Amino acid sequence: LTARELRDDVRIISVAEDREVATYHRYAGADAVVRPR
């Protein structure tokens, strides 16, 4: 959310440990969410 406030077009990739939180990372504005576990 902080990054999106500063720049809306920057590409953001988030790492999610728990499968249930990946959706919230996307809602926050992540372009891609990886779940390595």
Full PDB file with SEQRES, HELIX, SHEET, SSBOND, CRYST1, ORIGX, SCALE, CONECT and MASTER records, all heavy atoms in Angstrom:
SEQRES   1 A   37  LEU THR ALA ARG GLU LEU ARG ASP ASP VAL ARG ILE ILE          
SEQRES   2 A   37  SER VAL ALA GLU ASP ARG GLU VAL ALA THR TYR HIS ARG          
SEQRES   3 A   37  TYR ALA GLY ALA ASP ALA VAL VAL ARG PRO ARG                  
HELIX    1 AA1 THR A    2  LEU A    6  1                                   5    
HELIX    2 AA2 ARG A   19  VAL A   21  5                                   3    
HELIX    3 AA3 ALA A   22  ALA A   28  1                                   7    
SHEET    1 AA1 2 ILE A  13  VAL A  15  0                                        
SHEET    2 AA1 2 ALA A  32  VAL A  34  1                                        
CRYST1    1.000    1.000    1.000  90.00  90.00  90.00 P 1           1          
ORIGX1      1.000000  0.000000  0.000000        0.00000                         
ORIGX2      0.000000  1.000000  0.000000        0.00000                         
ORIGX3      0.000000  0.000000  1.000000        0.00000                         
SCALE1      1.000000  0.000000  0.000000        0.00000                         
SCALE2      0.000000  1.000000  0.000000        0.00000                         
SCALE3      0.000000  0.000000  1.000000        0.00000                         
ATOM      1  N   LEU A   1       0.827  -1.214   0.000  1.00  0.00           N  
ATOM      2  CA  LEU A   1       0.000   0.000   0.000  1.00  0.00           C  
ATOM      3  C   LEU A   1       0.859   1.261   0.000  1.00  0.00           C  
ATOM      4  O   LEU A   1       0.545   2.246  -0.685  1.00  0.00           O  
ATOM      5  CB  LEU A   1      -0.927  -0.011   1.219  1.00  0.00           C  
ATOM      6  CG  LEU A   1      -2.035  -1.079   1.207  1.00  0.00           C  
ATOM      7  CD1 LEU A   1      -2.713  -1.146   2.578  1.00  0.00           C  
ATOM      8  CD2 LEU A   1      -3.056  -0.781   0.118  1.00  0.00           C  
ATOM      9  N   THR A   2       1.955   1.250   0.776  1.00  0.00           N  
ATOM     10  CA  THR A   2       2.861   2.406   0.812  1.00  0.00           C  
ATOM     11  C   THR A   2       3.473   2.643  -0.556  1.00  0.00           C  
ATOM     12  O   THR A   2       3.544   3.792  -1.029  1.00  0.00           O  
ATOM     13  CB  THR A   2       3.981   2.174   1.853  1.00  0.00           C  
ATOM     14  OG1 THR A   2       3.410   1.946   3.133  1.00  0.00           O  
ATOM     15  CG2 THR A   2       4.907   3.381   1.922  1.00  0.00           C  
ATOM     16  N   ALA A   3       3.909   1.568  -1.218  1.00  0.00           N  
ATOM     17  CA  ALA A   3       4.516   1.702  -2.548  1.00  0.00           C  
ATOM     18  C   ALA A   3       3.510   2.217  -3.567  1.00  0.00           C  
ATOM     19  O   ALA A   3       3.834   3.050  -4.422  1.00  0.00           O  
ATOM     20  CB  ALA A   3       5.083   0.357  -2.995  1.00  0.00           C  
ATOM     21  N   ARG A   4       2.275   1.742  -3.468  1.00  0.00           N  
ATOM     22  CA  ARG A   4       1.237   2.190  -4.407  1.00  0.00           C  
ATOM     23  C   ARG A   4       0.904   3.677  -4.211  1.00  0.00           C  
ATOM     24  O   ARG A   4       0.547   4.377  -5.161  1.00  0.00           O  
ATOM     25  CB  ARG A   4      -0.013   1.339  -4.237  1.00  0.00           C  
ATOM     26  CG  ARG A   4       0.105  -0.046  -4.851  1.00  0.00           C  
ATOM     27  CD  ARG A   4       0.016   0.028  -6.371  1.00  0.00           C  
ATOM     28  NE  ARG A   4       0.217  -1.306  -6.971  1.00  0.00           N  
ATOM     29  CZ  ARG A   4       1.161  -1.591  -7.831  1.00  0.00           C  
ATOM     30  NH1 ARG A   4       2.002  -0.633  -8.209  1.00  0.00           N  
ATOM     31  NH2 ARG A   4       1.283  -2.788  -8.342  1.00  0.00           N  
ATOM     32  N   GLU A   5       1.020   4.173  -2.974  1.00  0.00           N  
ATOM     33  CA  GLU A   5       0.802   5.591  -2.722  1.00  0.00           C  
ATOM     34  C   GLU A   5       1.850   6.440  -3.444  1.00  0.00           C  
ATOM     35  O   GLU A   5       1.559   7.537  -3.922  1.00  0.00           O  
ATOM     36  CB  GLU A   5       0.853   5.882  -1.218  1.00  0.00           C  
ATOM     37  CG  GLU A   5      -0.383   5.464  -0.454  1.00  0.00           C  
ATOM     38  CD  GLU A   5      -1.588   6.315  -0.784  1.00  0.00           C  
ATOM     39  OE1 GLU A   5      -1.419   7.536  -0.975  1.00  0.00           O  
ATOM     40  OE2 GLU A   5      -2.701   5.754  -0.899  1.00  0.00           O  
ATOM     41  N   LEU A   6       3.058   5.923  -3.514  1.00  0.00           N  
ATOM     42  CA  LEU A   6       4.155   6.677  -4.108  1.00  0.00           C  
ATOM     43  C   LEU A   6       4.197   6.536  -5.623  1.00  0.00           C  
ATOM     44  O   LEU A   6       4.562   7.468  -6.329  1.00  0.00           O  
ATOM     45  CB  LEU A   6       5.493   6.213  -3.513  1.00  0.00           C  
ATOM     46  CG  LEU A   6       5.676   6.445  -2.007  1.00  0.00           C  
ATOM     47  CD1 LEU A   6       6.988   5.855  -1.539  1.00  0.00           C  
ATOM     48  CD2 LEU A   6       5.619   7.935  -1.688  1.00  0.00           C  
ATOM     49  N   ARG A   7       3.857   5.329  -6.099  1.00  0.00           N  
ATOM     50  CA  ARG A   7       3.946   5.096  -7.547  1.00  0.00           C  
ATOM     51  C   ARG A   7       2.982   3.983  -7.934  1.00  0.00           C  
ATOM     52  O   ARG A   7       3.162   2.826  -7.536  1.00  0.00           O  
ATOM     53  CB  ARG A   7       5.381   4.728  -7.929  1.00  0.00           C  
ATOM     54  CG  ARG A   7       5.583   4.551  -9.420  1.00  0.00           C  
ATOM     55  CD  ARG A   7       7.012   4.218  -9.730  1.00  0.00           C  
ATOM     56  NE  ARG A   7       7.138   3.695 -11.086  1.00  0.00           N  
ATOM     57  CZ  ARG A   7       8.207   3.065 -11.552  1.00  0.00           C  
ATOM     58  NH1 ARG A   7       9.252   2.883 -10.757  1.00  0.00           N  
ATOM     59  NH2 ARG A   7       8.233   2.620 -12.791  1.00  0.00           N  
ATOM     60  N   ASP A   8       2.003   4.325  -8.706  1.00  0.00           N  
ATOM     61  CA  ASP A   8       0.945   3.374  -9.035  1.00  0.00           C  
ATOM     62  C   ASP A   8       1.368   2.353 -10.082  1.00  0.00           C  
ATOM     63  O   ASP A   8       0.798   1.263 -10.159  1.00  0.00           O  
ATOM     64  CB  ASP A   8      -0.295   4.125  -9.519  1.00  0.00           C  
ATOM     65  CG  ASP A   8      -1.495   3.223  -9.645  1.00  0.00           C  
ATOM     66  OD1 ASP A   8      -1.847   2.565  -8.644  1.00  0.00           O  
ATOM     67  OD2 ASP A   8      -2.084   3.149 -10.748  1.00  0.00           O  
ATOM     68  N   ASP A   9       2.391   2.678 -10.902  1.00  0.00           N  
ATOM     69  CA  ASP A   9       2.734   1.797 -12.016  1.00  0.00           C  
ATOM     70  C   ASP A   9       3.934   0.897 -11.741  1.00  0.00           C  
ATOM     71  O   ASP A   9       4.357   0.151 -12.626  1.00  0.00           O  
ATOM     72  CB  ASP A   9       3.007   2.614 -13.275  1.00  0.00           C  
ATOM     73  CG  ASP A   9       4.202   3.546 -13.114  1.00  0.00           C  
ATOM     74  OD1 ASP A   9       4.549   3.866 -11.952  1.00  0.00           O  
ATOM     75  OD2 ASP A   9       4.780   3.962 -14.131  1.00  0.00           O  
ATOM     76  N   VAL A  10       4.519   0.954 -10.534  1.00  0.00           N  
ATOM     77  CA  VAL A  10       5.667   0.093 -10.248  1.00  0.00           C  
ATOM     78  C   VAL A  10       5.188  -1.352 -10.119  1.00  0.00           C  
ATOM     79  O   VAL A  10       4.115  -1.620  -9.567  1.00  0.00           O  
ATOM     80  CB  VAL A  10       6.400   0.538  -8.966  1.00  0.00           C  
ATOM     81  CG1 VAL A  10       5.535   0.341  -7.735  1.00  0.00           C  
ATOM     82  CG2 VAL A  10       7.719  -0.207  -8.808  1.00  0.00           C  
ATOM     83  N   ARG A  11       5.962  -2.269 -10.640  1.00  0.00           N  
ATOM     84  CA  ARG A  11       5.602  -3.686 -10.564  1.00  0.00           C  
ATOM     85  C   ARG A  11       5.949  -4.224  -9.183  1.00  0.00           C  
ATOM     86  O   ARG A  11       7.074  -4.071  -8.722  1.00  0.00           O  
ATOM     87  CB  ARG A  11       6.349  -4.482 -11.631  1.00  0.00           C  
ATOM     88  CG  ARG A  11       5.789  -5.877 -11.828  1.00  0.00           C  
ATOM     89  CD  ARG A  11       6.505  -6.591 -12.937  1.00  0.00           C  
ATOM     90  NE  ARG A  11       5.867  -7.856 -13.247  1.00  0.00           N  
ATOM     91  CZ  ARG A  11       6.423  -8.818 -13.970  1.00  0.00           C  
ATOM     92  NH1 ARG A  11       7.641  -8.637 -14.463  1.00  0.00           N  
ATOM     93  NH2 ARG A  11       5.782  -9.940 -14.207  1.00  0.00           N  
ATOM     94  N   ILE A  12       4.974  -4.870  -8.539  1.00  0.00           N  
ATOM     95  CA  ILE A  12       5.159  -5.359  -7.171  1.00  0.00           C  
ATOM     96  C   ILE A  12       4.925  -6.859  -7.130  1.00  0.00           C  
ATOM     97  O   ILE A  12       3.879  -7.350  -7.564  1.00  0.00           O  
ATOM     98  CB  ILE A  12       4.203  -4.651  -6.190  1.00  0.00           C  
ATOM     99  CG1 ILE A  12       4.478  -3.145  -6.166  1.00  0.00           C  
ATOM    100  CG2 ILE A  12       4.340  -5.236  -4.793  1.00  0.00           C  
ATOM    101  CD1 ILE A  12       3.537  -2.363  -5.267  1.00  0.00           C  
ATOM    102  N   ILE A  13       5.909  -7.589  -6.607  1.00  0.00           N  
ATOM    103  CA  ILE A  13       5.801  -9.036  -6.411  1.00  0.00           C  
ATOM    104  C   ILE A  13       5.915  -9.309  -4.924  1.00  0.00           C  
ATOM    105  O   ILE A  13       6.875  -8.879  -4.275  1.00  0.00           O  
ATOM    106  CB  ILE A  13       6.890  -9.813  -7.182  1.00  0.00           C  
ATOM    107  CG1 ILE A  13       6.767  -9.557  -8.684  1.00  0.00           C  
ATOM    108  CG2 ILE A  13       6.771 -11.299  -6.899  1.00  0.00           C  
ATOM    109  CD1 ILE A  13       7.640  -8.453  -9.191  1.00  0.00           C  
ATOM    110  N   SER A  14       4.944 -10.015  -4.368  1.00  0.00           N  
ATOM    111  CA  SER A  14       4.921 -10.299  -2.936  1.00  0.00           C  
ATOM    112  C   SER A  14       5.069 -11.801  -2.704  1.00  0.00           C  
ATOM    113  O   SER A  14       4.568 -12.623  -3.485  1.00  0.00           O  
ATOM    114  CB  SER A  14       3.601  -9.805  -2.330  1.00  0.00           C  
ATOM    115  OG  SER A  14       3.560 -10.045  -0.944  1.00  0.00           O  
ATOM    116  N   VAL A  15       5.753 -12.139  -1.622  1.00  0.00           N  
ATOM    117  CA  VAL A  15       5.926 -13.540  -1.228  1.00  0.00           C  
ATOM    118  C   VAL A  15       4.969 -13.844  -0.083  1.00  0.00           C  
ATOM    119  O   VAL A  15       4.981 -13.156   0.946  1.00  0.00           O  
ATOM    120  CB  VAL A  15       7.378 -13.830  -0.786  1.00  0.00           C  
ATOM    121  CG1 VAL A  15       7.524 -15.291  -0.362  1.00  0.00           C  
ATOM    122  CG2 VAL A  15       8.351 -13.502  -1.912  1.00  0.00           C  
ATOM    123  N   ALA A  16       4.123 -14.853  -0.247  1.00  0.00           N  
ATOM    124  CA  ALA A  16       3.152 -15.240   0.774  1.00  0.00           C  
ATOM    125  C   ALA A  16       3.510 -16.612   1.321  1.00  0.00           C  
ATOM    126  O   ALA A  16       3.750 -17.551   0.570  1.00  0.00           O  
ATOM    127  CB  ALA A  16       1.736 -15.261   0.195  1.00  0.00           C  
ATOM    128  N   GLU A  17       3.574 -16.711   2.626  1.00  0.00           N  
ATOM    129  CA  GLU A  17       3.858 -17.995   3.264  1.00  0.00           C  
ATOM    130  C   GLU A  17       2.585 -18.830   3.394  1.00  0.00           C  
ATOM    131  O   GLU A  17       2.563 -20.019   3.091  1.00  0.00           O  
ATOM    132  CB  GLU A  17       4.462 -17.754   4.653  1.00  0.00           C  
ATOM    133  CG  GLU A  17       5.707 -16.884   4.672  1.00  0.00           C  
ATOM    134  CD  GLU A  17       6.913 -17.575   4.082  1.00  0.00           C  
ATOM    135  OE1 GLU A  17       6.791 -18.730   3.669  1.00  0.00           O  
ATOM    136  OE2 GLU A  17       7.983 -16.953   4.027  1.00  0.00           O  
ATOM    137  N   ASP A  18       1.519 -18.205   3.855  1.00  0.00           N  
ATOM    138  CA  ASP A  18       0.257 -18.890   4.117  1.00  0.00           C  
ATOM    139  C   ASP A  18      -0.673 -18.701   2.923  1.00  0.00           C  
ATOM    140  O   ASP A  18      -0.836 -17.589   2.416  1.00  0.00           O  
ATOM    141  CB  ASP A  18      -0.388 -18.321   5.387  1.00  0.00           C  
ATOM    142  CG  ASP A  18      -1.531 -19.183   5.897  1.00  0.00           C  
ATOM    143  OD1 ASP A  18      -2.334 -19.647   5.064  1.00  0.00           O  
ATOM    144  OD2 ASP A  18      -1.631 -19.376   7.122  1.00  0.00           O  
ATOM    145  N   ARG A  19      -1.299 -19.771   2.493  1.00  0.00           N  
ATOM    146  CA  ARG A  19      -2.168 -19.698   1.323  1.00  0.00           C  
ATOM    147  C   ARG A  19      -3.340 -18.743   1.540  1.00  0.00           C  
ATOM    148  O   ARG A  19      -3.848 -18.143   0.588  1.00  0.00           O  
ATOM    149  CB  ARG A  19      -2.680 -21.105   0.984  1.00  0.00           C  
ATOM    150  CG  ARG A  19      -3.682 -21.678   1.976  1.00  0.00           C  
ATOM    151  CD  ARG A  19      -4.077 -23.093   1.619  1.00  0.00           C  
ATOM    152  NE  ARG A  19      -2.981 -24.019   1.867  1.00  0.00           N  
ATOM    153  CZ  ARG A  19      -3.029 -25.315   1.536  1.00  0.00           C  
ATOM    154  NH1 ARG A  19      -4.089 -25.794   0.941  1.00  0.00           N  
ATOM    155  NH2 ARG A  19      -2.001 -26.102   1.801  1.00  0.00           N  
ATOM    156  N   GLU A  20      -3.788 -18.574   2.789  1.00  0.00           N  
ATOM    157  CA  GLU A  20      -4.970 -17.761   3.061  1.00  0.00           C  
ATOM    158  C   GLU A  20      -4.708 -16.262   2.929  1.00  0.00           C  
ATOM    159  O   GLU A  20      -5.646 -15.486   2.756  1.00  0.00           O  
ATOM    160  CB  GLU A  20      -5.506 -18.075   4.459  1.00  0.00           C  
ATOM    161  CG  GLU A  20      -5.975 -19.517   4.626  1.00  0.00           C  
ATOM    162  CD  GLU A  20      -6.442 -19.801   6.035  1.00  0.00           C  
ATOM    163  OE1 GLU A  20      -6.356 -18.890   6.880  1.00  0.00           O  
ATOM    164  OE2 GLU A  20      -6.903 -20.928   6.287  1.00  0.00           O  
ATOM    165  N   VAL A  21      -3.439 -15.845   3.049  1.00  0.00           N  
ATOM    166  CA  VAL A  21      -3.144 -14.406   3.009  1.00  0.00           C  
ATOM    167  C   VAL A  21      -2.810 -13.921   1.609  1.00  0.00           C  
ATOM    168  O   VAL A  21      -2.737 -12.713   1.380  1.00  0.00           O  
ATOM    169  CB  VAL A  21      -1.984 -14.054   3.966  1.00  0.00           C  
ATOM    170  CG1 VAL A  21      -2.270 -14.518   5.372  1.00  0.00           C  
ATOM    171  CG2 VAL A  21      -0.666 -14.630   3.465  1.00  0.00           C  
ATOM    172  N   ALA A  22      -2.597 -14.831   0.667  1.00  0.00           N  
ATOM    173  CA  ALA A  22      -2.209 -14.424  -0.691  1.00  0.00           C  
ATOM    174  C   ALA A  22      -3.249 -13.501  -1.304  1.00  0.00           C  
ATOM    175  O   ALA A  22      -2.913 -12.532  -2.002  1.00  0.00           O  
ATOM    176  CB  ALA A  22      -2.007 -15.661  -1.569  1.00  0.00           C  
ATOM    177  N   THR A  23      -4.525 -13.772  -1.027  1.00  0.00           N  
ATOM    178  CA  THR A  23      -5.596 -12.935  -1.573  1.00  0.00           C  
ATOM    179  C   THR A  23      -5.481 -11.497  -1.080  1.00  0.00           C  
ATOM    180  O   THR A  23      -5.684 -10.538  -1.847  1.00  0.00           O  
ATOM    181  CB  THR A  23      -6.969 -13.501  -1.175  1.00  0.00           C  
ATOM    182  OG1 THR A  23      -7.066 -14.845  -1.661  1.00  0.00           O  
ATOM    183  CG2 THR A  23      -8.090 -12.665  -1.758  1.00  0.00           C  
ATOM    184  N   TYR A  24      -5.138 -11.310   0.193  1.00  0.00           N  
ATOM    185  CA  TYR A  24      -5.030  -9.961   0.752  1.00  0.00           C  
ATOM    186  C   TYR A  24      -3.850  -9.200   0.149  1.00  0.00           C  
ATOM    187  O   TYR A  24      -3.908  -7.970   0.014  1.00  0.00           O  
ATOM    188  CB  TYR A  24      -4.907 -10.034   2.269  1.00  0.00           C  
ATOM    189  CG  TYR A  24      -6.089 -10.718   2.918  1.00  0.00           C  
ATOM    190  CD1 TYR A  24      -5.961 -11.958   3.517  1.00  0.00           C  
ATOM    191  CD2 TYR A  24      -7.348 -10.126   2.894  1.00  0.00           C  
ATOM    192  CE1 TYR A  24      -7.049 -12.609   4.092  1.00  0.00           C  
ATOM    193  CE2 TYR A  24      -8.444 -10.759   3.468  1.00  0.00           C  
ATOM    194  CZ  TYR A  24      -8.291 -11.998   4.065  1.00  0.00           C  
ATOM    195  OH  TYR A  24      -9.365 -12.627   4.612  1.00  0.00           O  
ATOM    196  N   HIS A  25      -2.803  -9.916  -0.202  1.00  0.00           N  
ATOM    197  CA  HIS A  25      -1.673  -9.265  -0.861  1.00  0.00           C  
ATOM    198  C   HIS A  25      -2.109  -8.715  -2.219  1.00  0.00           C  
ATOM    199  O   HIS A  25      -1.696  -7.623  -2.623  1.00  0.00           O  
ATOM    200  CB  HIS A  25      -0.518 -10.244  -1.037  1.00  0.00           C  
ATOM    201  CG  HIS A  25       0.122 -10.636   0.256  1.00  0.00           C  
ATOM    202  ND1 HIS A  25       1.396 -11.180   0.319  1.00  0.00           N  
ATOM    203  CD2 HIS A  25      -0.306 -10.573   1.537  1.00  0.00           C  
ATOM    204  CE1 HIS A  25       1.698 -11.434   1.591  1.00  0.00           C  
ATOM    205  NE2 HIS A  25       0.683 -11.074   2.336  1.00  0.00           N  
ATOM    206  N   ARG A  26      -2.941  -9.485  -2.926  1.00  0.00           N  
ATOM    207  CA  ARG A  26      -3.448  -9.010  -4.222  1.00  0.00           C  
ATOM    208  C   ARG A  26      -4.394  -7.824  -4.033  1.00  0.00           C  
ATOM    209  O   ARG A  26      -4.349  -6.857  -4.800  1.00  0.00           O  
ATOM    210  CB  ARG A  26      -4.162 -10.149  -4.956  1.00  0.00           C  
ATOM    211  CG  ARG A  26      -3.239 -11.276  -5.417  1.00  0.00           C  
ATOM    212  CD  ARG A  26      -3.965 -12.257  -6.322  1.00  0.00           C  
ATOM    213  NE  ARG A  26      -3.083 -13.345  -6.729  1.00  0.00           N  
ATOM    214  CZ  ARG A  26      -2.963 -14.482  -6.058  1.00  0.00           C  
ATOM    215  NH1 ARG A  26      -3.686 -14.672  -4.946  1.00  0.00           N  
ATOM    216  NH2 ARG A  26      -2.145 -15.425  -6.478  1.00  0.00           N  
ATOM    217  N   TYR A  27      -5.251  -7.901  -3.024  1.00  0.00           N  
ATOM    218  CA  TYR A  27      -6.156  -6.789  -2.750  1.00  0.00           C  
ATOM    219  C   TYR A  27      -5.374  -5.512  -2.455  1.00  0.00           C  
ATOM    220  O   TYR A  27      -5.796  -4.406  -2.820  1.00  0.00           O  
ATOM    221  CB  TYR A  27      -7.050  -7.110  -1.544  1.00  0.00           C  
ATOM    222  CG  TYR A  27      -8.174  -8.071  -1.841  1.00  0.00           C  
ATOM    223  CD1 TYR A  27      -8.827  -8.744  -0.813  1.00  0.00           C  
ATOM    224  CD2 TYR A  27      -8.603  -8.314  -3.143  1.00  0.00           C  
ATOM    225  CE1 TYR A  27      -9.863  -9.639  -1.070  1.00  0.00           C  
ATOM    226  CE2 TYR A  27      -9.623  -9.201  -3.417  1.00  0.00           C  
ATOM    227  CZ  TYR A  27     -10.257  -9.854  -2.380  1.00  0.00           C  
ATOM    228  OH  TYR A  27     -11.276 -10.738  -2.641  1.00  0.00           O  
ATOM    229  N   ALA A  28      -4.240  -5.648  -1.773  1.00  0.00           N  
ATOM    230  CA  ALA A  28      -3.432  -4.475  -1.418  1.00  0.00           C  
ATOM    231  C   ALA A  28      -2.793  -3.838  -2.642  1.00  0.00           C  
ATOM    232  O   ALA A  28      -2.416  -2.655  -2.597  1.00  0.00           O  
ATOM    233  CB  ALA A  28      -2.356  -4.858  -0.405  1.00  0.00           C  
ATOM    234  N   GLY A  29      -2.647  -4.612  -3.736  1.00  0.00           N  
ATOM    235  CA  GLY A  29      -2.104  -4.041  -4.955  1.00  0.00           C  
ATOM    236  C   GLY A  29      -0.927  -4.774  -5.554  1.00  0.00           C  
ATOM    237  O   GLY A  29      -0.284  -4.256  -6.477  1.00  0.00           O  
ATOM    238  N   ALA A  30      -0.613  -5.982  -5.089  1.00  0.00           N  
ATOM    239  CA  ALA A  30       0.496  -6.744  -5.662  1.00  0.00           C  
ATOM    240  C   ALA A  30       0.131  -7.217  -7.069  1.00  0.00           C  
ATOM    241  O   ALA A  30      -0.987  -7.684  -7.308  1.00  0.00           O  
ATOM    242  CB  ALA A  30       0.835  -7.937  -4.780  1.00  0.00           C  
ATOM    243  N   ASP A  31       1.075  -7.095  -7.995  1.00  0.00           N  
ATOM    244  CA  ASP A  31       0.853  -7.583  -9.360  1.00  0.00           C  
ATOM    245  C   ASP A  31       0.960  -9.095  -9.440  1.00  0.00           C  
ATOM    246  O   ASP A  31       0.302  -9.727 -10.267  1.00  0.00           O  
ATOM    247  CB  ASP A  31       1.874  -6.948 -10.311  1.00  0.00           C  
ATOM    248  CG  ASP A  31       1.705  -5.438 -10.399  1.00  0.00           C  
ATOM    249  OD1 ASP A  31       0.665  -5.001 -10.917  1.00  0.00           O  
ATOM    250  OD2 ASP A  31       2.602  -4.715  -9.929  1.00  0.00           O  
ATOM    251  N   ALA A  32       1.804  -9.662  -8.600  1.00  0.00           N  
ATOM    252  CA  ALA A  32       1.975 -11.121  -8.568  1.00  0.00           C  
ATOM    253  C   ALA A  32       2.278 -11.541  -7.139  1.00  0.00           C  
ATOM    254  O   ALA A  32       2.941 -10.817  -6.398  1.00  0.00           O  
ATOM    255  CB  ALA A  32       3.099 -11.551  -9.503  1.00  0.00           C  
ATOM    256  N   VAL A  33       1.781 -12.694  -6.763  1.00  0.00           N  
ATOM    257  CA  VAL A  33       2.043 -13.258  -5.433  1.00  0.00           C  
ATOM    258  C   VAL A  33       2.582 -14.671  -5.630  1.00  0.00           C  
ATOM    259  O   VAL A  33       1.945 -15.500  -6.307  1.00  0.00           O  
ATOM    260  CB  VAL A  33       0.771 -13.309  -4.571  1.00  0.00           C  
ATOM    261  CG1 VAL A  33       1.079 -13.904  -3.199  1.00  0.00           C  
ATOM    262  CG2 VAL A  33       0.175 -11.917  -4.411  1.00  0.00           C  
ATOM    263  N   VAL A  34       3.751 -14.946  -5.092  1.00  0.00           N  
ATOM    264  CA  VAL A  34       4.333 -16.286  -5.194  1.00  0.00           C  
ATOM    265  C   VAL A  34       4.212 -16.992  -3.848  1.00  0.00           C  
ATOM    266  O   VAL A  34       4.337 -16.377  -2.798  1.00  0.00           O  
ATOM    267  CB  VAL A  34       5.809 -16.236  -5.650  1.00  0.00           C  
ATOM    268  CG1 VAL A  34       5.929 -15.584  -7.014  1.00  0.00           C  
ATOM    269  CG2 VAL A  34       6.679 -15.497  -4.652  1.00  0.00           C  
ATOM    270  N   ARG A  35       3.966 -18.286  -3.925  1.00  0.00           N  
ATOM    271  CA  ARG A  35       3.799 -19.090  -2.709  1.00  0.00           C  
ATOM    272  C   ARG A  35       4.767 -20.264  -2.764  1.00  0.00           C  
ATOM    273  O   ARG A  35       4.404 -21.376  -3.136  1.00  0.00           O  
ATOM    274  CB  ARG A  35       2.356 -19.574  -2.615  1.00  0.00           C  
ATOM    275  CG  ARG A  35       1.351 -18.447  -2.393  1.00  0.00           C  
ATOM    276  CD  ARG A  35      -0.057 -18.883  -2.650  1.00  0.00           C  
ATOM    277  NE  ARG A  35      -0.393 -20.082  -1.890  1.00  0.00           N  
ATOM    278  CZ  ARG A  35      -1.453 -20.843  -2.143  1.00  0.00           C  
ATOM    279  NH1 ARG A  35      -2.254 -20.529  -3.136  1.00  0.00           N  
ATOM    280  NH2 ARG A  35      -1.704 -21.902  -1.409  1.00  0.00           N  
ATOM    281  N   PRO A  36       6.018 -20.029  -2.436  1.00  0.00           N  
ATOM    282  CA  PRO A  36       7.050 -21.067  -2.596  1.00  0.00           C  
ATOM    283  C   PRO A  36       6.847 -22.284  -1.707  1.00  0.00           C  
ATOM    284  O   PRO A  36       7.223 -23.395  -2.089  1.00  0.00           O  
ATOM    285  CB  PRO A  36       8.350 -20.330  -2.256  1.00  0.00           C  
ATOM    286  CG  PRO A  36       7.918 -19.171  -1.411  1.00  0.00           C  
ATOM    287  CD  PRO A  36       6.579 -18.779  -1.924  1.00  0.00           C  
ATOM    288  N   ARG A  37       6.267 -22.108  -0.519  1.00  0.00           N  
ATOM    289  CA  ARG A  37       6.097 -23.254   0.363  1.00  0.00           C  
ATOM    290  C   ARG A  37       5.147 -24.280  -0.246  1.00  0.00           C  
ATOM    291  O   ARG A  37       5.336 -25.488  -0.076  1.00  0.00           O  
ATOM    292  CB  ARG A  37       5.589 -22.792   1.733  1.00  0.00           C  
ATOM    293  CG  ARG A  37       6.611 -22.006   2.533  1.00  0.00           C  
ATOM    294  CD  ARG A  37       6.038 -21.474   3.831  1.00  0.00           C  
ATOM    295  NE  ARG A  37       6.975 -20.598   4.512  1.00  0.00           N  
ATOM    296  CZ  ARG A  37       7.834 -20.990   5.452  1.00  0.00           C  
ATOM    297  NH1 ARG A  37       7.845 -22.249   5.830  1.00  0.00           N  
ATOM    298  NH2 ARG A  37       8.661 -20.139   6.007  1.00  0.00           N  
TER     299      ARG A  37                                                      
MASTER        0    0    0    3    2    0    0    6  298    1    0    3          
END                                                                             
